Protein backbone atom coordinates (compact mmCIF):
# COMPACT_ATOMS: atom_id res chain seq x y z
CA MET A 1 128.77 106.02 100.56
CA MET A 2 126.58 109.12 100.50
CA ASN A 3 129.65 111.21 99.78
CA GLU A 4 130.77 108.89 96.95
CA ARG A 5 127.32 109.17 95.34
CA HIS A 6 127.15 112.96 95.88
CA LEU A 7 123.97 112.65 97.91
CA PHE A 8 125.04 115.32 100.39
CA ARG A 9 124.18 117.85 97.68
CA LYS A 10 120.50 116.94 98.17
CA TYR A 11 120.23 115.39 101.65
CA THR A 12 121.72 115.38 105.10
CA THR A 13 122.13 111.92 106.59
CA ASP A 14 119.07 112.51 108.77
CA GLU A 15 116.94 113.66 105.82
CA PHE A 16 117.95 110.60 103.83
CA LEU A 17 117.08 108.21 106.64
CA ASP A 18 113.86 110.06 107.50
CA GLU A 19 112.65 109.62 103.92
CA LEU A 20 113.05 105.84 104.21
CA ASP A 21 111.75 105.69 107.77
CA ILE A 22 108.20 106.58 106.72
CA ILE A 23 107.67 103.22 104.99
CA GLU A 24 105.21 101.38 107.20
CA CYS A 25 105.37 97.69 107.99
CA TYR A 26 102.49 95.71 109.46
CA ARG A 27 103.10 92.29 110.88
CA GLU A 28 100.77 89.84 112.59
CA PRO A 29 101.93 86.72 114.37
CA LYS A 30 102.48 83.81 111.96
CA ARG A 31 101.80 86.03 108.94
CA LYS A 32 103.97 87.60 106.28
CA ALA A 33 104.88 91.28 106.73
CA VAL A 34 102.83 93.77 104.73
CA TYR A 35 104.53 97.01 103.70
CA GLY A 36 102.92 100.34 102.96
CA GLU A 37 103.40 102.09 99.64
CA VAL A 38 106.97 102.79 98.58
CA THR A 39 107.22 105.99 96.56
CA GLN A 40 109.35 106.45 93.46
CA LYS A 41 111.62 108.77 95.42
CA GLN A 42 112.15 106.06 98.03
CA ASN A 43 112.84 103.49 95.29
CA ASP A 44 115.45 105.85 93.87
CA LEU A 45 117.12 106.20 97.27
CA TYR A 46 117.34 102.42 97.62
CA ALA A 47 118.79 102.21 94.13
CA TYR A 48 121.63 104.59 95.05
CA PHE A 49 122.89 101.83 97.36
CA ASN A 50 121.93 98.82 95.23
CA VAL A 51 119.43 97.69 97.87
CA THR A 52 116.15 96.04 96.97
CA PRO A 53 113.23 98.03 98.41
CA PRO A 54 110.47 96.32 100.39
CA PRO A 55 107.89 94.53 98.22
């Protein structure tokens, strides 16, 4: 999919995944997960794959 969307011009697979890996998630027992800030760049990366980013 990265090849189809020409993302290898900007990212290696590891760089792409590393950019999304820095989104933090905090979870306490019996509570809803709380996510850290998602940057515009990360939102754009999710959009390349038609995936909804964390809230």
